[in-house]
Amino acid sequence: DDVIEAMIDIKSGVGPSEKLYWKRNKVQRDVAVLFLLDTSASTAEAISDASSYVDSSNIESNLSRTSYKRIIDVEKEAVVLLINAIESLGDMYGIYGFSGYGRENVEFYTVKDIEEPFSDTIKGRVESISPLHATRMGPAIRHATTKLDRVDARTKLLFLISDGRPQDRGYSREGVEKEYGVHDTKMALDEAKN
């Protein structure tokens, strides 16, 4: 009614009421996010600049006991910062880790399932994330993509948080294992995008 009256006022040359305005509100977000953390042995390596370490959350209180910062510590800090933001938005999200040893033993860990509510148990799981075995990214990315496919959301995001070194026992013959790992990871990411 107010819009019709404003249009009549405009057509008749009278200034419309100043109390009328348009505002677009996005009522509901439809986003699902999946964090996939590399928990391979290479994430135990120290980062040289330990002086820049800041304990960004209570979740990582145990990290302050170390005298240096590891790659896995940075991964955990990144996840804590991102989930704090996502919690405030109310989006669905899941946190998973992966490692393994050969193609017969790819390990995929649930830290927080997508439908699971955030709790102190989740905080404890994040704290306990630690470096494990090798890095076979392809199967972990494919499994994470399958989990995202099962979620009913218009926008789906997959964050792969890693030191970027896909390598594992048994990729192929000696000397080309690293190359195969990179190609398999690229293929898995292309498949996820499709």
Protein backbone atom coordinates (compact mmCIF):
# COMPACT_ATOMS: atom_id res chain seq x y z
CA ASP A 1 0.00 0.00 0.00
CA ASP A 2 2.82 2.38 0.90
CA VAL A 3 4.53 1.75 -2.45
CA ILE A 4 1.31 2.45 -4.38
CA GLU A 5 0.73 5.68 -2.47
CA ALA A 6 4.36 6.73 -3.10
CA MET A 7 3.96 6.10 -6.83
CA ILE A 8 0.73 8.16 -6.88
CA ASP A 9 2.50 10.99 -5.04
CA ILE A 10 5.41 10.91 -7.54
CA LYS A 11 3.05 10.98 -10.57
CA SER A 12 1.03 13.86 -9.10
CA GLY A 13 4.17 15.88 -8.40
CA VAL A 14 4.08 15.55 -4.62
CA GLY A 15 7.14 14.33 -2.76
CA PRO A 16 6.63 10.80 -1.42
CA SER A 17 6.89 9.97 2.26
CA GLU A 18 10.45 9.73 3.55
CA LYS A 19 9.46 6.76 5.68
CA LEU A 20 9.34 4.52 2.64
CA TYR A 21 12.55 2.74 1.62
CA TRP A 22 13.68 -0.49 0.03
CA LYS A 23 16.00 -2.90 1.71
CA ARG A 24 17.04 -6.31 0.48
CA ASN A 25 17.44 -8.82 3.28
CA LYS A 26 18.88 -12.21 2.64
CA VAL A 27 16.74 -14.21 5.02
CA GLN A 28 18.39 -17.59 4.76
CA ARG A 29 21.93 -18.69 3.90
CA ASP A 30 22.25 -22.01 2.13
CA VAL A 31 25.95 -22.84 2.53
CA ALA A 32 27.79 -26.05 3.44
CA VAL A 33 31.55 -26.01 4.04
CA LEU A 34 33.91 -28.94 4.42
CA PHE A 35 37.43 -28.53 5.81
CA LEU A 36 39.87 -31.27 4.86
CA LEU A 37 43.10 -31.22 6.89
CA ASP A 38 46.31 -32.91 5.86
CA THR A 39 47.54 -34.81 8.94
CA SER A 40 50.54 -36.41 7.28
CA ALA A 41 53.97 -36.75 8.91
CA SER A 42 55.33 -33.78 6.94
CA THR A 43 53.00 -31.46 8.90
CA ALA A 44 55.16 -32.12 12.00
CA GLU A 45 57.92 -29.98 10.46
CA ALA A 46 58.69 -26.78 12.30
CA ILE A 47 58.07 -23.38 10.80
CA SER A 48 61.12 -21.15 11.18
CA ASP A 49 59.43 -18.01 12.51
CA ALA A 50 58.22 -19.14 15.93
CA SER A 51 58.24 -15.55 17.24
CA SER A 52 55.05 -14.79 15.28
CA TYR A 53 53.10 -17.47 17.12
CA VAL A 54 49.96 -16.13 18.76
CA ASP A 55 47.48 -18.38 20.58
CA SER A 56 44.30 -17.32 18.74
CA SER A 57 41.83 -19.44 20.69
CA ASN A 58 41.31 -21.53 23.77
CA ILE A 59 41.04 -24.52 21.46
CA GLU A 60 44.76 -24.35 20.86
CA SER A 61 45.89 -23.87 24.44
CA ASN A 62 48.04 -27.00 24.26
CA LEU A 63 50.04 -25.54 21.37
CA SER A 64 51.52 -22.84 23.59
CA ARG A 65 53.50 -25.55 25.40
CA THR A 66 55.71 -26.10 22.35
CA SER A 67 58.69 -23.83 21.76
CA TYR A 68 58.16 -23.81 18.01
CA LYS A 69 55.26 -23.78 15.58
CA ARG A 70 54.62 -26.74 13.29
CA ILE A 71 52.69 -26.89 10.02
CA ILE A 72 49.90 -28.84 11.75
CA ASP A 73 49.63 -26.02 14.30
CA VAL A 74 49.07 -23.50 11.51
CA GLU A 75 46.44 -25.79 9.97
CA LYS A 76 44.62 -26.00 13.29
CA GLU A 77 44.81 -22.21 13.76
CA ALA A 78 43.33 -21.71 10.29
CA VAL A 79 40.45 -24.07 11.05
CA VAL A 80 39.75 -22.38 14.40
CA LEU A 81 39.58 -18.94 12.77
CA LEU A 82 37.35 -20.19 9.96
CA ILE A 83 34.94 -22.11 12.19
CA ASN A 84 34.57 -19.10 14.50
CA ALA A 85 33.41 -17.10 11.47
CA ILE A 86 31.16 -19.88 10.18
CA GLU A 87 29.60 -20.42 13.61
CA SER A 88 28.62 -16.73 13.72
CA LEU A 89 27.01 -17.04 10.25
CA GLY A 90 25.17 -20.24 11.13
CA ASP A 91 26.37 -22.19 8.08
CA MET A 92 26.73 -25.97 8.07
CA TYR A 93 30.31 -27.25 8.16
CA GLY A 94 32.37 -30.33 8.74
CA ILE A 95 36.00 -30.86 9.70
CA TYR A 96 37.87 -33.95 8.53
CA GLY A 97 41.47 -35.09 8.53
CA PHE A 98 43.30 -37.52 6.30
CA SER A 99 46.49 -39.51 6.22
CA GLY A 100 47.37 -43.11 5.44
CA TYR A 101 49.96 -45.53 4.29
CA GLY A 102 49.54 -46.88 0.77
CA ARG A 103 46.40 -47.15 -1.30
CA GLU A 104 44.95 -49.92 0.88
CA ASN A 105 45.16 -47.78 4.02
CA VAL A 106 43.89 -44.25 3.34
CA GLU A 107 42.74 -42.85 6.68
CA PHE A 108 39.85 -40.37 6.84
CA TYR A 109 39.04 -38.93 10.28
CA THR A 110 35.89 -37.15 11.36
CA VAL A 111 36.65 -34.22 13.65
CA LYS A 112 33.18 -32.69 13.21
CA ASP A 113 30.56 -34.15 10.92
CA ILE A 114 28.56 -31.67 8.83
CA GLU A 115 25.30 -32.24 10.72
CA GLU A 116 26.99 -32.44 14.16
CA PRO A 117 26.59 -29.38 16.41
CA PHE A 118 29.69 -27.64 17.74
CA SER A 119 30.58 -28.63 21.31
CA ASP A 120 33.41 -29.03 23.79
CA THR A 121 33.90 -32.53 22.37
CA ILE A 122 34.67 -30.95 18.99
CA LYS A 123 37.15 -28.58 20.66
CA GLY A 124 38.90 -31.58 22.17
CA ARG A 125 39.04 -33.31 18.80
CA VAL A 126 40.60 -30.23 17.19
CA GLU A 127 43.19 -30.08 19.97
CA SER A 128 44.10 -33.73 19.46
CA ILE A 129 44.78 -33.44 15.72
CA SER A 130 48.37 -34.54 15.17
CA PRO A 131 50.68 -35.62 12.33
CA LEU A 132 50.36 -39.26 11.34
CA HIS A 133 51.52 -41.06 8.19
CA ALA A 134 51.71 -40.29 4.45
CA THR A 135 49.75 -37.97 2.13
CA ARG A 136 47.45 -39.56 -0.40
CA MET A 137 45.20 -36.60 -1.15
CA GLY A 138 43.18 -37.95 -4.07
CA PRO A 139 41.02 -40.50 -2.20
CA ALA A 140 40.47 -38.10 0.71
CA ILE A 141 39.29 -35.34 -1.66
CA ARG A 142 36.99 -37.80 -3.44
CA HIS A 143 35.49 -38.98 -0.14
CA ALA A 144 35.04 -35.38 1.05
CA THR A 145 33.31 -34.54 -2.23
CA THR A 146 30.92 -37.48 -1.73
CA LYS A 147 30.09 -36.15 1.75
CA LEU A 148 29.37 -32.68 0.30
CA ASP A 149 27.21 -34.21 -2.45
CA ARG A 150 24.93 -35.70 0.23
CA VAL A 151 24.29 -32.30 1.82
CA ASP A 152 21.33 -30.27 0.63
CA ALA A 153 22.82 -26.80 0.15
CA ARG A 154 22.95 -24.41 -2.78
CA THR A 155 26.55 -23.36 -2.15
CA LYS A 156 29.10 -26.03 -1.28
CA LEU A 157 32.73 -25.25 -0.45
CA LEU A 158 35.66 -27.61 0.06
CA PHE A 159 38.78 -26.24 1.79
CA LEU A 160 41.87 -28.42 1.47
CA ILE A 161 44.33 -27.30 4.14
CA SER A 162 47.70 -28.85 3.52
CA ASP A 163 51.42 -28.26 3.20
CA GLY A 164 50.97 -29.20 -0.45
CA ARG A 165 53.14 -32.32 -0.60
CA PRO A 166 51.11 -35.28 -1.91
CA GLN A 167 53.28 -38.37 -1.60
CA ASP A 168 52.71 -41.90 -0.43
CA ARG A 169 54.13 -45.39 -0.59
CA GLY A 170 53.17 -47.39 -3.65
CA TYR A 171 52.09 -44.66 -6.07
CA SER A 172 54.27 -46.09 -8.82
CA ARG A 173 57.81 -47.13 -9.64
CA GLU A 174 60.79 -45.48 -7.93
CA GLY A 175 61.48 -41.87 -8.88
CA VAL A 176 58.07 -40.77 -10.17
CA GLU A 177 55.95 -41.18 -7.02
CA LYS A 178 55.80 -37.45 -6.30
CA GLU A 179 54.73 -36.63 -9.86
CA TYR A 180 51.91 -39.18 -9.76
CA GLY A 181 50.70 -37.82 -6.40
CA VAL A 182 50.45 -34.30 -7.81
CA HIS A 183 48.52 -35.51 -10.89
CA ASP A 184 46.15 -37.64 -8.79
CA THR A 185 45.46 -34.67 -6.50
CA LYS A 186 44.79 -32.40 -9.49
CA MET A 187 42.42 -34.97 -10.98
CA ALA A 188 40.54 -35.32 -7.66
CA LEU A 189 40.19 -31.52 -7.41
CA ASP A 190 38.93 -31.32 -11.02
CA GLU A 191 36.40 -34.07 -10.25
CA ALA A 192 35.27 -32.20 -7.13
CA LYS A 193 34.82 -28.99 -9.12
CA ASN A 194 32.73 -30.83 -11.72
